[in-house]
Each structure stands twice: as structure tokens, then as C-alpha cells.
Protein backbone atom coordinates (compact mmCIF):
# COMPACT_ATOMS: atom_id res chain seq x y z
CA UNK A 1 17.53 -28.50 -82.10
CA UNK A 2 14.31 -27.09 -83.50
CA UNK A 3 13.70 -27.32 -87.23
CA UNK A 4 12.48 -23.90 -88.26
CA UNK A 5 11.78 -24.14 -91.93
CA UNK A 6 11.55 -20.77 -93.55
CA UNK A 7 8.51 -19.87 -95.63
CA UNK A 8 8.88 -20.68 -99.33
CA UNK A 9 10.49 -17.98 -101.41
CA UNK A 10 8.02 -16.33 -103.79
CA UNK A 11 9.40 -14.93 -107.05
CA UNK A 12 7.82 -13.38 -110.12
CA UNK A 13 7.12 -15.82 -112.95
CA UNK A 14 9.19 -14.65 -115.96
CA UNK A 15 6.34 -15.47 -118.36
CA UNK A 16 3.09 -14.28 -116.78
CA UNK A 17 4.37 -12.06 -113.97
CA UNK A 18 2.39 -13.95 -111.33
CA UNK A 19 3.67 -15.41 -108.09
CA UNK A 20 5.81 -18.53 -108.29
CA UNK A 21 7.13 -20.68 -105.45
CA UNK A 22 10.89 -20.97 -105.83
CA UNK A 23 11.46 -24.24 -104.03
CA UNK A 24 12.14 -27.89 -104.85
CA UNK A 25 8.41 -28.53 -104.47
CA UNK A 26 7.78 -26.55 -107.70
CA UNK A 27 9.13 -28.64 -110.61
CA UNK A 28 8.63 -25.70 -112.99
CA UNK A 29 10.62 -23.09 -111.04
CA UNK A 30 11.20 -20.26 -111.68
CA UNK A 31 7.95 -20.51 -113.64
CA UNK A 32 4.60 -20.82 -111.89
CA UNK A 33 3.29 -23.64 -114.08
CA UNK A 34 4.11 -26.07 -116.85
CA UNK A 35 2.23 -23.82 -119.28
CA UNK A 36 4.46 -20.82 -118.52
CA UNK A 37 7.58 -22.97 -118.75
CA UNK A 38 6.50 -24.31 -122.17
CA UNK A 39 5.60 -20.85 -123.46
CA UNK A 40 9.10 -19.65 -122.57
CA UNK A 41 10.71 -22.72 -124.15
CA UNK A 42 8.64 -22.19 -127.31
CA UNK A 43 9.82 -18.59 -127.56
CA UNK A 44 13.45 -19.75 -127.42
CA UNK A 45 12.80 -22.57 -129.91
CA UNK A 46 11.15 -20.21 -132.41
CA UNK A 47 14.03 -17.73 -131.95
CA UNK A 48 11.72 -15.03 -130.56
CA UNK A 49 14.42 -14.40 -127.97
CA UNK A 50 17.78 -13.41 -129.40
CA UNK A 51 21.06 -12.30 -127.96
CA UNK A 52 22.54 -9.32 -129.77
CA UNK A 53 26.05 -9.79 -131.10
CA UNK A 54 28.19 -7.88 -133.58
CA UNK A 55 28.34 -9.44 -137.05
CA UNK A 56 31.27 -11.74 -137.74
CA UNK A 57 33.12 -12.47 -140.95
CA UNK A 58 31.18 -15.75 -141.19
CA UNK A 59 27.93 -13.77 -141.24
CA UNK A 60 29.21 -11.62 -144.12
CA UNK A 61 30.28 -14.72 -146.08
CA UNK A 62 26.88 -16.31 -145.61
CA UNK A 63 25.17 -13.17 -146.89
CA UNK A 64 27.34 -13.15 -150.03
CA UNK A 65 26.81 -16.81 -151.00
CA UNK A 66 23.91 -17.67 -153.31
CA UNK A 67 21.36 -20.03 -151.79
CA UNK A 68 21.98 -23.72 -152.31
CA UNK A 69 19.61 -25.45 -154.79
CA UNK A 70 17.08 -27.86 -153.33
């Protein structure tokens, strides 16, 4: 049996738009580099990315409460 390994799959890096190897050899996949992975993580951590959702009754209650004193 001949081992015919296929060429690595190349995908678009979600952060910079460059080429990224989507294989176990790339520890940052689907990102092309650690920098791009960290930029994406930072955007999530700073809440730059948000998922839209309809307001709930808990949201309305939070808006009506006065802020807690420090």
C-alpha cells in the first residue's frame, strides 16, 4: 500500500485574510500565526464581537435599576 499524503489544505486566515495551513502541523489553525490568533481572541475578550439577540426581561430589569454604590 502506497502512502499518498494529500497536500495540506490552505484556508483563509479569519484575521488577516492571508493563507493559512489547516493541518495539525499549524498549532494556530485556522489562523496563520499566533499574532492573528491573539488579535481574534482580544476582539472577543474586549467584546468587539457580539452576537445579536432580542432583549430579555432581565435586560429591561437591569436598565431600570439604579447603579450600585461603590
